């Protein structure tokens, strides 16, 4: 068990800490004194809202017409940046700037606005998460501002807990973001991190198999009669750590989905066909047995989503008033 934990720490260190190691030893001797002074103010642990603001002002004042796509980590950062930009005398002027958001939890009617061309003399700025890397294409984007980070689900095998945290993107994701600029005309991308940091990025994102809980997958493996869970997963191109697999198997045994020989129980067969996490599926089944399904369904629905409220980008104050009524 100790060796498995050390192996997990080693992989986590190689992927998550390489950028921080580069930042610690970087001296930027090849750059001018002005550039070195600017880099000394850069904080790799936070999103530089002020830097983004300065870049956007530069684009509006000195660059050719065209929409701007700004990659942020998540909805909270998008909202915070939007509030800061709206307080700016130039970026907050609706006669000069059309400020929009692109996020997976937005209503479809709001998302459609990002594809419309603005009025003449108005610069469209779209604040987006990494869903804008591949899921959508905004044809009039000429400039991209890349913060270098994105929120992704990771799994701590030592503590047996999933978490959603900002992390550095991969080189492939950085290239994908750069490719969003100038889809139908020449474009430019502003990467808000040094080249040495980019060089330290992993070539590709860590596969989802290595950064998410495996309980549901283990149930599917047993329901399809694919043999031993650990043996089957060990044949993956990048297999998960044995500790992660063992945690998932032990968990399924504790809730009664697997017996001591890793065979599906009656409960496990029912859980394998429910499109929810095993623990939530068991709640639904027990709610049915004890004739209290309606309140249990409400609880499960609440636990299945991060936030049940959608906040329109241009109606934040009104939305928060309605949300506060549920407190």
C-alpha atoms as a PDB file:
ATOM      1  CA  UNK A   1       0.000   0.000   0.000  1.00  0.00           C
ATOM      2  CA  UNK A   2       2.842   2.387   0.833  1.00  0.00           C
ATOM      3  CA  UNK A   3       4.494   1.740  -2.557  1.00  0.00           C
ATOM      4  CA  UNK A   4       1.188   2.397  -4.315  1.00  0.00           C
ATOM      5  CA  UNK A   5       0.807   5.690  -2.477  1.00  0.00           C
ATOM      6  CA  UNK A   6       4.347   6.700  -3.391  1.00  0.00           C
ATOM      7  CA  UNK A   7       3.679   5.868  -7.056  1.00  0.00           C
ATOM      8  CA  UNK A   8       0.582   8.033  -7.040  1.00  0.00           C
ATOM      9  CA  UNK A   9       2.500  10.929  -5.456  1.00  0.00           C
ATOM     10  CA  UNK A  10       5.248  10.565  -8.033  1.00  0.00           C
ATOM     11  CA  UNK A  11       2.827  10.771 -10.975  1.00  0.00           C
ATOM     12  CA  UNK A  12       0.980  13.668  -9.402  1.00  0.00           C
ATOM     13  CA  UNK A  13       4.267  15.497  -8.798  1.00  0.00           C
ATOM     14  CA  UNK A  14       5.452  14.977 -12.364  1.00  0.00           C
ATOM     15  CA  UNK A  15       2.249  16.356 -13.858  1.00  0.00           C
ATOM     16  CA  UNK A  16       1.149  19.073 -11.417  1.00  0.00           C
ATOM     17  CA  UNK A  17       4.470  20.393 -10.121  1.00  0.00           C
ATOM     18  CA  UNK A  18       6.645  20.651 -13.230  1.00  0.00           C
ATOM     19  CA  UNK A  19       5.490  24.196 -13.996  1.00  0.00           C
ATOM     20  CA  UNK A  20       6.082  25.364 -10.433  1.00  0.00           C
ATOM     21  CA  UNK A  21       9.588  23.877 -10.516  1.00  0.00           C
ATOM     22  CA  UNK A  22      10.388  25.797 -13.705  1.00  0.00           C
ATOM     23  CA  UNK A  23       9.119  29.054 -12.216  1.00  0.00           C
ATOM     24  CA  UNK A  24      11.331  28.632  -9.149  1.00  0.00           C
ATOM     25  CA  UNK A  25      14.562  28.263 -11.145  1.00  0.00           C
ATOM     26  CA  UNK A  26      13.772  30.665 -14.007  1.00  0.00           C
ATOM     27  CA  UNK A  27      15.976  33.765 -14.137  1.00  0.00           C
ATOM     28  CA  UNK A  28      14.978  35.084 -17.607  1.00  0.00           C
ATOM     29  CA  UNK A  29      18.517  36.345 -18.292  1.00  0.00           C
ATOM     30  CA  UNK A  30      17.868  36.479 -22.019  1.00  0.00           C
ATOM     31  CA  UNK A  31      15.158  39.122 -21.634  1.00  0.00           C
ATOM     32  CA  UNK A  32      15.394  42.893 -21.252  1.00  0.00           C
ATOM     33  CA  UNK A  33      15.282  44.497 -17.812  1.00  0.00           C
ATOM     34  CA  UNK A  34      11.749  45.753 -18.493  1.00  0.00           C
ATOM     35  CA  UNK A  35      10.573  42.235 -19.378  1.00  0.00           C
ATOM     36  CA  UNK A  36      12.280  40.744 -16.322  1.00  0.00           C
ATOM     37  CA  UNK A  37      10.575  43.321 -14.127  1.00  0.00           C
ATOM     38  CA  UNK A  38       7.201  42.415 -15.627  1.00  0.00           C
ATOM     39  CA  UNK A  39       7.801  38.686 -15.149  1.00  0.00           C
ATOM     40  CA  UNK A  40       8.782  39.253 -11.519  1.00  0.00           C
ATOM     41  CA  UNK A  41       5.258  40.595 -10.923  1.00  0.00           C
ATOM     42  CA  UNK A  42       3.623  37.555 -12.513  1.00  0.00           C
ATOM     43  CA  UNK A  43       2.003  35.140 -10.043  1.00  0.00           C
ATOM     44  CA  UNK A  44       1.647  31.584 -11.407  1.00  0.00           C
ATOM     45  CA  UNK A  45      -0.817  30.671  -8.641  1.00  0.00           C
ATOM     46  CA  UNK A  46      -3.549  33.132  -9.629  1.00  0.00           C
ATOM     47  CA  UNK A  47      -5.331  34.506 -12.676  1.00  0.00           C
ATOM     48  CA  UNK A  48      -4.014  37.975 -13.478  1.00  0.00           C
ATOM     49  CA  UNK A  49      -7.205  39.996 -13.945  1.00  0.00           C
ATOM     50  CA  UNK A  50      -5.240  43.245 -14.163  1.00  0.00           C
ATOM     51  CA  UNK A  51      -2.980  41.774 -16.843  1.00  0.00           C
ATOM     52  CA  UNK A  52      -6.001  40.630 -18.852  1.00  0.00           C
ATOM     53  CA  UNK A  53      -7.486  44.101 -18.496  1.00  0.00           C
ATOM     54  CA  UNK A  54      -4.292  45.714 -19.850  1.00  0.00           C
ATOM     55  CA  UNK A  55      -4.143  43.260 -22.775  1.00  0.00           C
ATOM     56  CA  UNK A  56      -7.765  43.969 -23.702  1.00  0.00           C
ATOM     57  CA  UNK A  57      -7.149  47.728 -23.549  1.00  0.00           C
ATOM     58  CA  UNK A  58      -4.146  47.294 -25.848  1.00  0.00           C
ATOM     59  CA  UNK A  59      -6.229  45.310 -28.347  1.00  0.00           C
ATOM     60  CA  UNK A  60      -9.042  47.867 -28.359  1.00  0.00           C
ATOM     61  CA  UNK A  61      -6.738  50.865 -28.725  1.00  0.00           C
ATOM     62  CA  UNK A  62      -4.091  49.572 -31.130  1.00  0.00           C
ATOM     63  CA  UNK A  63      -5.195  46.409 -32.907  1.00  0.00           C
ATOM     64  CA  UNK A  64      -7.398  45.894 -35.956  1.00  0.00           C
ATOM     65  CA  UNK A  65     -11.131  45.146 -35.615  1.00  0.00           C
ATOM     66  CA  UNK A  66     -12.202  41.678 -34.558  1.00  0.00           C
ATOM     67  CA  UNK A  67     -13.732  39.778 -31.662  1.00  0.00           C
ATOM     68  CA  UNK A  68     -11.664  38.725 -28.647  1.00  0.00           C
ATOM     69  CA  UNK A  69     -11.935  35.323 -26.947  1.00  0.00           C
ATOM     70  CA  UNK A  70     -10.616  35.203 -23.365  1.00  0.00           C
ATOM     71  CA  UNK A  71     -10.080  31.754 -21.830  1.00  0.00           C
ATOM     72  CA  UNK A  72     -10.799  31.613 -18.086  1.00  0.00           C
ATOM     73  CA  UNK A  73     -10.908  28.709 -15.628  1.00  0.00           C
ATOM     74  CA  UNK A  74     -14.583  28.751 -14.647  1.00  0.00           C
ATOM     75  CA  UNK A  75     -17.788  30.643 -14.011  1.00  0.00           C
ATOM     76  CA  UNK A  76     -16.560  32.310 -10.811  1.00  0.00           C
ATOM     77  CA  UNK A  77     -13.521  33.787 -12.554  1.00  0.00           C
ATOM     78  CA  UNK A  78     -15.641  34.849 -15.519  1.00  0.00           C
ATOM     79  CA  UNK A  79     -18.030  36.709 -13.221  1.00  0.00           C
ATOM     80  CA  UNK A  80     -15.215  38.364 -11.264  1.00  0.00           C
ATOM     81  CA  UNK A  81     -13.450  39.493 -14.425  1.00  0.00           C
ATOM     82  CA  UNK A  82     -16.713  40.735 -15.915  1.00  0.00           C
ATOM     83  CA  UNK A  83     -17.372  42.893 -12.851  1.00  0.00           C
ATOM     84  CA  UNK A  84     -13.869  44.367 -13.084  1.00  0.00           C
ATOM     85  CA  UNK A  85     -14.124  45.056 -16.811  1.00  0.00           C
ATOM     86  CA  UNK A  86     -17.546  46.675 -16.505  1.00  0.00           C
ATOM     87  CA  UNK A  87     -16.076  49.165 -14.028  1.00  0.00           C
ATOM     88  CA  UNK A  88     -13.385  50.174 -16.549  1.00  0.00           C
ATOM     89  CA  UNK A  89     -14.007  53.448 -18.452  1.00  0.00           C
ATOM     90  CA  UNK A  90     -13.262  51.843 -21.838  1.00  0.00           C
ATOM     91  CA  UNK A  91     -13.976  48.130 -21.408  1.00  0.00           C
ATOM     92  CA  UNK A  92     -17.208  48.889 -19.556  1.00  0.00           C
ATOM     93  CA  UNK A  93     -18.519  51.269 -22.221  1.00  0.00           C
ATOM     94  CA  UNK A  94     -21.342  49.465 -24.115  1.00  0.00           C
ATOM     95  CA  UNK A  95     -20.837  51.849 -27.053  1.00  0.00           C
ATOM     96  CA  UNK A  96     -17.346  50.393 -27.556  1.00  0.00           C
ATOM     97  CA  UNK A  97     -17.442  46.899 -26.058  1.00  0.00           C
ATOM     98  CA  UNK A  98     -19.965  44.045 -26.117  1.00  0.00           C
ATOM     99  CA  UNK A  99     -19.095  41.801 -23.165  1.00  0.00           C
ATOM    100  CA  UNK A 100     -20.404  38.211 -23.343  1.00  0.00           C
ATOM    101  CA  UNK A 101     -19.811  34.909 -21.580  1.00  0.00           C
ATOM    102  CA  UNK A 102     -19.551  31.313 -22.756  1.00  0.00           C
ATOM    103  CA  UNK A 103     -20.037  28.612 -20.150  1.00  0.00           C
ATOM    104  CA  UNK A 104     -21.519  25.138 -20.152  1.00  0.00           C
ATOM    105  CA  UNK A 105     -24.219  25.962 -17.581  1.00  0.00           C
ATOM    106  CA  UNK A 106     -25.604  28.910 -19.562  1.00  0.00           C
ATOM    107  CA  UNK A 107     -28.963  28.738 -21.268  1.00  0.00           C
ATOM    108  CA  UNK A 108     -28.882  28.019 -25.012  1.00  0.00           C
ATOM    109  CA  UNK A 109     -30.523  31.368 -25.788  1.00  0.00           C
ATOM    110  CA  UNK A 110     -27.639  33.170 -24.074  1.00  0.00           C
ATOM    111  CA  UNK A 111     -24.979  31.091 -25.779  1.00  0.00           C
ATOM    112  CA  UNK A 112     -26.389  31.966 -29.203  1.00  0.00           C
ATOM    113  CA  UNK A 113     -25.530  35.630 -28.618  1.00  0.00           C
ATOM    114  CA  UNK A 114     -21.797  34.931 -28.868  1.00  0.00           C
ATOM    115  CA  UNK A 115     -22.161  34.010 -32.554  1.00  0.00           C
ATOM    116  CA  UNK A 116     -23.855  37.276 -33.550  1.00  0.00           C
ATOM    117  CA  UNK A 117     -21.734  40.045 -35.029  1.00  0.00           C
ATOM    118  CA  UNK A 118     -21.727  43.282 -33.003  1.00  0.00           C
ATOM    119  CA  UNK A 119     -22.642  46.690 -34.346  1.00  0.00           C
ATOM    120  CA  UNK A 120     -20.041  48.698 -36.247  1.00  0.00           C
ATOM    121  CA  UNK A 121     -17.471  50.243 -33.933  1.00  0.00           C
ATOM    122  CA  UNK A 122     -18.224  47.791 -31.113  1.00  0.00           C
ATOM    123  CA  UNK A 123     -15.633  45.198 -30.079  1.00  0.00           C
ATOM    124  CA  UNK A 124     -17.057  41.845 -28.984  1.00  0.00           C
ATOM    125  CA  UNK A 125     -15.246  40.242 -26.024  1.00  0.00           C
ATOM    126  CA  UNK A 126     -16.224  36.691 -25.051  1.00  0.00           C
ATOM    127  CA  UNK A 127     -15.150  35.346 -21.646  1.00  0.00           C
ATOM    128  CA  UNK A 128     -15.141  31.558 -21.949  1.00  0.00           C
ATOM    129  CA  UNK A 129     -14.146  28.336 -20.248  1.00  0.00           C
ATOM    130  CA  UNK A 130     -12.276  25.565 -22.038  1.00  0.00           C
ATOM    131  CA  UNK A 131     -15.532  24.487 -23.725  1.00  0.00           C
ATOM    132  CA  UNK A 132     -14.608  27.097 -26.359  1.00  0.00           C
ATOM    133  CA  UNK A 133     -11.475  25.092 -27.249  1.00  0.00           C
ATOM    134  CA  UNK A 134     -13.316  22.473 -29.278  1.00  0.00           C
ATOM    135  CA  UNK A 135     -17.078  22.502 -28.631  1.00  0.00           C
ATOM    136  CA  UNK A 136     -17.837  25.758 -30.445  1.00  0.00           C
ATOM    137  CA  UNK A 137     -16.314  27.984 -33.135  1.00  0.00           C
ATOM    138  CA  UNK A 138     -16.836  31.753 -33.136  1.00  0.00           C
ATOM    139  CA  UNK A 139     -15.980  32.772 -36.681  1.00  0.00           C
ATOM    140  CA  UNK A 140     -15.280  36.453 -36.075  1.00  0.00           C
ATOM    141  CA  UNK A 141     -12.678  35.871 -33.324  1.00  0.00           C
ATOM    142  CA  UNK A 142      -9.360  37.454 -34.320  1.00  0.00           C
ATOM    143  CA  UNK A 143      -7.667  37.665 -30.912  1.00  0.00           C
ATOM    144  CA  UNK A 144      -7.337  35.040 -28.183  1.00  0.00           C
ATOM    145  CA  UNK A 145      -6.193  35.702 -24.608  1.00  0.00           C
ATOM    146  CA  UNK A 146      -5.075  32.505 -22.867  1.00  0.00           C
ATOM    147  CA  UNK A 147      -4.636  32.400 -19.071  1.00  0.00           C
ATOM    148  CA  UNK A 148      -3.038  28.942 -19.351  1.00  0.00           C
ATOM    149  CA  UNK A 149      -5.329  27.197 -16.896  1.00  0.00           C
ATOM    150  CA  UNK A 150      -8.595  25.263 -16.831  1.00  0.00           C
ATOM    151  CA  UNK A 151     -10.683  23.521 -14.211  1.00  0.00           C
ATOM    152  CA  UNK A 152     -10.615  19.759 -14.450  1.00  0.00           C
ATOM    153  CA  UNK A 153     -11.731  16.884 -12.276  1.00  0.00           C
ATOM    154  CA  UNK A 154      -8.927  15.126 -10.452  1.00  0.00           C
ATOM    155  CA  UNK A 155      -8.961  12.162  -8.101  1.00  0.00           C
ATOM    156  CA  UNK A 156      -6.921  11.910  -4.919  1.00  0.00           C
ATOM    157  CA  UNK A 157      -6.385   8.190  -4.485  1.00  0.00           C
ATOM    158  CA  UNK A 158      -4.777   8.657  -1.076  1.00  0.00           C
ATOM    159  CA  UNK A 159      -7.856  10.386   0.360  1.00  0.00           C
ATOM    160  CA  UNK A 160     -10.287   8.652  -2.035  1.00  0.00           C
ATOM    161  CA  UNK A 161     -11.922  11.951  -3.004  1.00  0.00           C
ATOM    162  CA  UNK A 162     -12.611  13.704  -6.339  1.00  0.00           C
ATOM    163  CA  UNK A 163     -12.127  17.448  -6.670  1.00  0.00           C
ATOM    164  CA  UNK A 164     -12.523  20.144  -9.324  1.00  0.00           C
ATOM    165  CA  UNK A 165      -9.554  22.505  -9.272  1.00  0.00           C
ATOM    166  CA  UNK A 166      -7.795  24.913 -11.653  1.00  0.00           C
ATOM    167  CA  UNK A 167      -4.713  23.355 -13.218  1.00  0.00           C
ATOM    168  CA  UNK A 168      -2.252  24.123 -15.993  1.00  0.00           C
ATOM    169  CA  UNK A 169      -3.392  23.077 -19.443  1.00  0.00           C
ATOM    170  CA  UNK A 170      -1.400  20.853 -21.793  1.00  0.00           C
ATOM    171  CA  UNK A 171       0.587  21.902 -24.845  1.00  0.00           C
ATOM    172  CA  UNK A 172      -2.131  20.385 -27.020  1.00  0.00           C
ATOM    173  CA  UNK A 173      -4.781  22.519 -25.287  1.00  0.00           C
ATOM    174  CA  UNK A 174      -2.619  25.642 -25.675  1.00  0.00           C
ATOM    175  CA  UNK A 175      -2.312  24.957 -29.413  1.00  0.00           C
ATOM    176  CA  UNK A 176      -6.056  24.390 -29.608  1.00  0.00           C
ATOM    177  CA  UNK A 177      -6.717  27.726 -27.925  1.00  0.00           C
ATOM    178  CA  UNK A 178      -4.290  29.462 -30.257  1.00  0.00           C
ATOM    179  CA  UNK A 179      -6.136  27.904 -33.174  1.00  0.00           C
ATOM    180  CA  UNK A 180      -9.376  29.619 -32.121  1.00  0.00           C
ATOM    181  CA  UNK A 181      -7.878  32.924 -33.322  1.00  0.00           C
ATOM    182  CA  UNK A 182      -8.415  33.749 -36.956  1.00  0.00           C
ATOM    183  CA  UNK A 183     -10.574  30.853 -38.091  1.00  0.00           C
ATOM    184  CA  UNK A 184     -11.568  32.790 -41.216  1.00  0.00           C
ATOM    185  CA  UNK A 185      -8.798  35.432 -41.216  1.00  0.00           C
ATOM    186  CA  UNK A 186      -5.317  35.920 -39.710  1.00  0.00           C
ATOM    187  CA  UNK A 187      -5.394  36.094 -35.915  1.00  0.00           C
ATOM    188  CA  UNK A 188      -3.204  36.543 -32.856  1.00  0.00           C
ATOM    189  CA  UNK A 189      -2.983  34.817 -29.473  1.00  0.00           C
ATOM    190  CA  UNK A 190      -1.749  36.356 -26.227  1.00  0.00           C
ATOM    191  CA  UNK A 191      -0.470  33.630 -23.881  1.00  0.00           C
ATOM    192  CA  UNK A 192      -0.287  35.123 -20.378  1.00  0.00           C
ATOM    193  CA  UNK A 193       2.648  32.982 -19.220  1.00  0.00           C
ATOM    194  CA  UNK A 194       6.354  32.716 -20.158  1.00  0.00           C
ATOM    195  CA  UNK A 195       7.606  30.326 -22.835  1.00  0.00           C
ATOM    196  CA  UNK A 196       9.551  28.398 -20.190  1.00  0.00           C
ATOM    197  CA  UNK A 197       6.240  27.617 -18.489  1.00  0.00           C
ATOM    198  CA  UNK A 198       4.727  26.453 -21.780  1.00  0.00           C
ATOM    199  CA  UNK A 199       7.757  24.192 -22.324  1.00  0.00           C
ATOM    200  CA  UNK A 200       7.018  22.579 -18.949  1.00  0.00           C
ATOM    201  CA  UNK A 201       3.421  21.731 -19.875  1.00  0.00           C
ATOM    202  CA  UNK A 202       2.558  18.079 -20.436  1.00  0.00           C
ATOM    203  CA  UNK A 203       2.133  17.224 -24.118  1.00  0.00           C
ATOM    204  CA  UNK A 204      -1.461  16.124 -23.555  1.00  0.00           C
ATOM    205  CA  UNK A 205      -4.032  16.278 -20.779  1.00  0.00           C
ATOM    206  CA  UNK A 206      -4.009  13.449 -18.278  1.00  0.00           C
ATOM    207  CA  UNK A 207      -6.590  10.845 -19.431  1.00  0.00           C
ATOM    208  CA  UNK A 208      -9.892  10.922 -17.579  1.00  0.00           C
ATOM    209  CA  UNK A 209      -9.288   7.334 -16.477  1.00  0.00           C
ATOM    210  CA  UNK A 210      -6.427   8.601 -14.289  1.00  0.00           C
ATOM    211  CA  UNK A 211      -8.200  11.557 -12.700  1.00  0.00           C
ATOM    212  CA  UNK A 212     -11.750  10.456 -11.889  1.00  0.00           C
ATOM    213  CA  UNK A 213     -13.308   7.936  -9.467  1.00  0.00           C
ATOM    214  CA  UNK A 214     -13.606   4.441 -10.912  1.00  0.00           C
ATOM    215  CA  UNK A 215     -16.628   3.028  -9.068  1.00  0.00           C
ATOM    216  CA  UNK A 216     -19.112   3.297 -11.949  1.00  0.00           C
ATOM    217  CA  UNK A 217     -16.566   1.959 -14.427  1.00  0.00           C
ATOM    218  CA  UNK A 218     -15.851  -1.018 -12.181  1.00  0.00           C
ATOM    219  CA  UNK A 219     -19.562  -1.818 -12.058  1.00  0.00           C
ATOM    220  CA  UNK A 220     -19.734  -1.730 -15.862  1.00  0.00           C
ATOM    221  CA  UNK A 221     -16.740  -4.064 -16.143  1.00  0.00           C
ATOM    222  CA  UNK A 222     -18.437  -6.622 -13.909  1.00  0.00           C
ATOM    223  CA  UNK A 223     -21.850  -6.227 -15.575  1.00  0.00           C
ATOM    224  CA  UNK A 224     -20.254  -6.925 -18.981  1.00  0.00           C
ATOM    225  CA  UNK A 225     -18.504 -10.001 -17.528  1.00  0.00           C
ATOM    226  CA  UNK A 226     -15.027  -8.814 -18.524  1.00  0.00           C
ATOM    227  CA  UNK A 227     -13.274 -10.657 -15.716  1.00  0.00           C
ATOM    228  CA  UNK A 228     -11.091  -9.245 -12.972  1.00  0.00           C
ATOM    229  CA  UNK A 229     -11.425  -5.478 -12.600  1.00  0.00           C
ATOM    230  CA  UNK A 230      -7.752  -4.835 -11.865  1.00  0.00           C
ATOM    231  CA  UNK A 231      -6.583  -7.138 -14.661  1.00  0.00           C
ATOM    232  CA  UNK A 232      -8.904  -5.537 -17.220  1.00  0.00           C
ATOM    233  CA  UNK A 233      -7.895  -1.970 -16.310  1.00  0.00           C
ATOM    234  CA  UNK A 234      -4.202  -2.895 -16.327  1.00  0.00           C
ATOM    235  CA  UNK A 235      -4.494  -3.431 -20.100  1.00  0.00           C
ATOM    236  CA  UNK A 236      -5.426   0.222 -20.723  1.00  0.00           C
ATOM    237  CA  UNK A 237      -2.951   2.369 -22.680  1.00  0.00           C
ATOM    238  CA  UNK A 238      -2.380   4.380 -19.502  1.00  0.00           C
ATOM    239  CA  UNK A 239      -3.709   2.224 -16.652  1.00  0.00           C
ATOM    240  CA  UNK A 240      -4.852   3.823 -13.393  1.00  0.00           C
ATOM    241  CA  UNK A 241      -2.831   3.372 -10.231  1.00  0.00           C
ATOM    242  CA  UNK A 242      -3.540   0.062  -8.446  1.00  0.00           C
ATOM    243  CA  UNK A 243      -4.429   2.085  -5.345  1.00  0.00           C
ATOM    244  CA  UNK A 244      -7.215   3.881  -7.243  1.00  0.00           C
ATOM    245  CA  UNK A 245      -8.618   0.579  -8.516  1.00  0.00           C
ATOM    246  CA  UNK A 246      -8.466  -1.029  -5.079  1.00  0.00           C
ATOM    247  CA  UNK A 247     -10.209   1.954  -3.488  1.00  0.00           C
ATOM    248  CA  UNK A 248     -13.048   1.652  -6.004  1.00  0.00           C
ATOM    249  CA  UNK A 249     -13.431  -2.105  -5.462  1.00  0.00           C
ATOM    250  CA  UNK A 250     -13.359  -1.732  -1.668  1.00  0.00           C
ATOM    251  CA  UNK A 251     -15.973   1.013  -1.858  1.00  0.00           C
ATOM    252  CA  UNK A 252     -18.309  -1.149  -3.963  1.00  0.00           C
ATOM    253  CA  UNK A 253     -17.916  -3.966  -1.442  1.00  0.00           C
ATOM    254  CA  UNK A 254     -18.764  -1.642   1.454  1.00  0.00           C
ATOM    255  CA  UNK A 255     -22.031  -0.472  -0.143  1.00  0.00           C
ATOM    256  CA  UNK A 256     -22.939  -4.051  -1.077  1.00  0.00           C
ATOM    257  CA  UNK A 257     -22.557  -3.831  -4.859  1.00  0.00           C
ATOM    258  CA  UNK A 258     -19.800  -6.489  -4.941  1.00  0.00           C
ATOM    259  CA  UNK A 259     -19.327  -9.575  -2.782  1.00  0.00           C
ATOM    260  CA  UNK A 260     -16.016 -10.634  -1.257  1.00  0.00           C
ATOM    261  CA  UNK A 261     -15.035 -12.356  -4.544  1.00  0.00           C
ATOM    262  CA  UNK A 262     -15.702  -9.193  -6.596  1.00  0.00           C
ATOM    263  CA  UNK A 263     -18.868 -10.627  -8.126  1.00  0.00           C
ATOM    264  CA  UNK A 264     -21.926  -8.438  -8.693  1.00  0.00           C
ATOM    265  CA  UNK A 265     -24.607  -8.726  -6.049  1.00  0.00           C
ATOM    266  CA  UNK A 266     -28.296  -8.216  -6.775  1.00  0.00           C
ATOM    267  CA  UNK A 267     -27.864  -4.604  -5.659  1.00  0.00           C
ATOM    268  CA  UNK A 268     -24.814  -4.239  -7.904  1.00  0.00           C
ATOM    269  CA  UNK A 269     -26.762  -5.416 -10.967  1.00  0.00           C
ATOM    270  CA  UNK A 270     -29.397  -2.744 -10.358  1.00  0.00           C
ATOM    271  CA  UNK A 271     -26.772  -0.045  -9.726  1.00  0.00           C
ATOM    272  CA  UNK A 272     -24.930  -0.878 -12.947  1.00  0.00           C
ATOM    273  CA  UNK A 273     -27.906   0.238 -15.068  1.00  0.00           C
ATOM    274  CA  UNK A 274     -28.665   3.469 -13.197  1.00  0.00           C
ATOM    275  CA  UNK A 275     -27.100   6.612 -14.768  1.00  0.00           C
ATOM    276  CA  UNK A 276     -25.938   8.004 -11.404  1.00  0.00           C
ATOM    277  CA  UNK A 277     -23.075   7.396  -8.998  1.00  0.00           C
ATOM    278  CA  UNK A 278     -23.388   4.070  -7.124  1.00  0.00           C
ATOM    279  CA  UNK A 279     -24.005   5.760  -3.748  1.00  0.00           C
ATOM    280  CA  UNK A 280     -26.818   7.849  -5.250  1.00  0.00           C
ATOM    281  CA  UNK A 281     -28.241   4.811  -7.004  1.00  0.00           C
ATOM    282  CA  UNK A 282     -28.376   2.955  -3.705  1.00  0.00           C
ATOM    283  CA  UNK A 283     -30.235   5.898  -2.181  1.00  0.00           C
ATOM    284  CA  UNK A 284     -32.864   5.651  -4.943  1.00  0.00           C
ATOM    285  CA  UNK A 285     -33.274   1.909  -4.473  1.00  0.00           C
ATOM    286  CA  UNK A 286     -33.602   2.198  -0.690  1.00  0.00           C
ATOM    287  CA  UNK A 287     -36.022   5.099  -1.148  1.00  0.00           C
ATOM    288  CA  UNK A 288     -38.198   2.827  -3.291  1.00  0.00           C
ATOM    289  CA  UNK A 289     -38.039  -0.016  -0.766  1.00  0.00           C
ATOM    290  CA  UNK A 290     -38.997   2.209   2.171  1.00  0.00           C
ATOM    291  CA  UNK A 291     -41.672   4.096   0.200  1.00  0.00           C
ATOM    292  CA  UNK A 292     -39.978   7.501   0.434  1.00  0.00           C
ATOM    293  CA  UNK A 293     -38.803   7.835  -3.168  1.00  0.00           C
ATOM    294  CA  UNK A 294     -40.061  11.387  -3.761  1.00  0.00           C
ATOM    295  CA  UNK A 295     -37.900  13.162  -1.131  1.00  0.00           C
ATOM    296  CA  UNK A 296     -34.944  10.907  -1.962  1.00  0.00           C
ATOM    297  CA  UNK A 297     -35.217  11.847  -5.642  1.00  0.00           C
ATOM    298  CA  UNK A 298     -35.047  15.507  -4.613  1.00  0.00           C
ATOM    299  CA  UNK A 299     -31.910  14.844  -2.555  1.00  0.00           C
ATOM    300  CA  UNK A 300     -30.275  12.838  -5.357  1.00  0.00           C
ATOM    301  CA  UNK A 301     -31.104  15.522  -7.917  1.00  0.00           C
ATOM    302  CA  UNK A 302     -29.507  18.139  -5.671  1.00  0.00           C
ATOM    303  CA  UNK A 303     -26.369  16.038  -5.203  1.00  0.00           C
ATOM    304  CA  UNK A 304     -26.060  15.306  -8.935  1.00  0.00           C
ATOM    305  CA  UNK A 305     -25.444  18.915 -10.014  1.00  0.00           C
ATOM    306  CA  UNK A 306     -22.933  21.510  -8.816  1.00  0.00           C
ATOM    307  CA  UNK A 307     -25.423  24.387  -8.824  1.00  0.00           C
ATOM    308  CA  UNK A 308     -29.155  24.257  -9.658  1.00  0.00           C
ATOM    309  CA  UNK A 309     -29.272  27.975 -10.462  1.00  0.00           C
ATOM    310  CA  UNK A 310     -28.443  29.596 -13.796  1.00  0.00           C
ATOM    311  CA  UNK A 311     -27.355  33.226 -13.555  1.00  0.00           C
ATOM    312  CA  UNK A 312     -27.787  35.186 -16.823  1.00  0.00           C
ATOM    313  CA  UNK A 313     -24.691  37.230 -17.574  1.00  0.00           C
ATOM    314  CA  UNK A 314     -26.600  40.513 -17.879  1.00  0.00           C
ATOM    315  CA  UNK A 315     -29.107  39.870 -15.049  1.00  0.00           C
ATOM    316  CA  UNK A 316     -26.815  38.926 -12.196  1.00  0.00           C
ATOM    317  CA  UNK A 317     -28.330  41.246  -9.560  1.00  0.00           C
ATOM    318  CA  UNK A 318     -31.914  40.178 -10.270  1.00  0.00           C
ATOM    319  CA  UNK A 319     -30.922  36.496 -10.264  1.00  0.00           C
ATOM    320  CA  UNK A 320     -29.124  36.787  -6.929  1.00  0.00           C
ATOM    321  CA  UNK A 321     -32.228  38.369  -5.393  1.00  0.00           C
ATOM    322  CA  UNK A 322     -34.321  35.369  -6.424  1.00  0.00           C
ATOM    323  CA  UNK A 323     -31.650  32.925  -5.237  1.00  0.00           C
ATOM    324  CA  UNK A 324     -31.472  34.627  -1.831  1.00  0.00           C
ATOM    325  CA  UNK A 325     -35.166  33.826  -1.312  1.00  0.00           C
ATOM    326  CA  UNK A 326     -34.167  30.141  -0.945  1.00  0.00           C
ATOM    327  CA  UNK A 327     -31.815  30.843   1.978  1.00  0.00           C
END
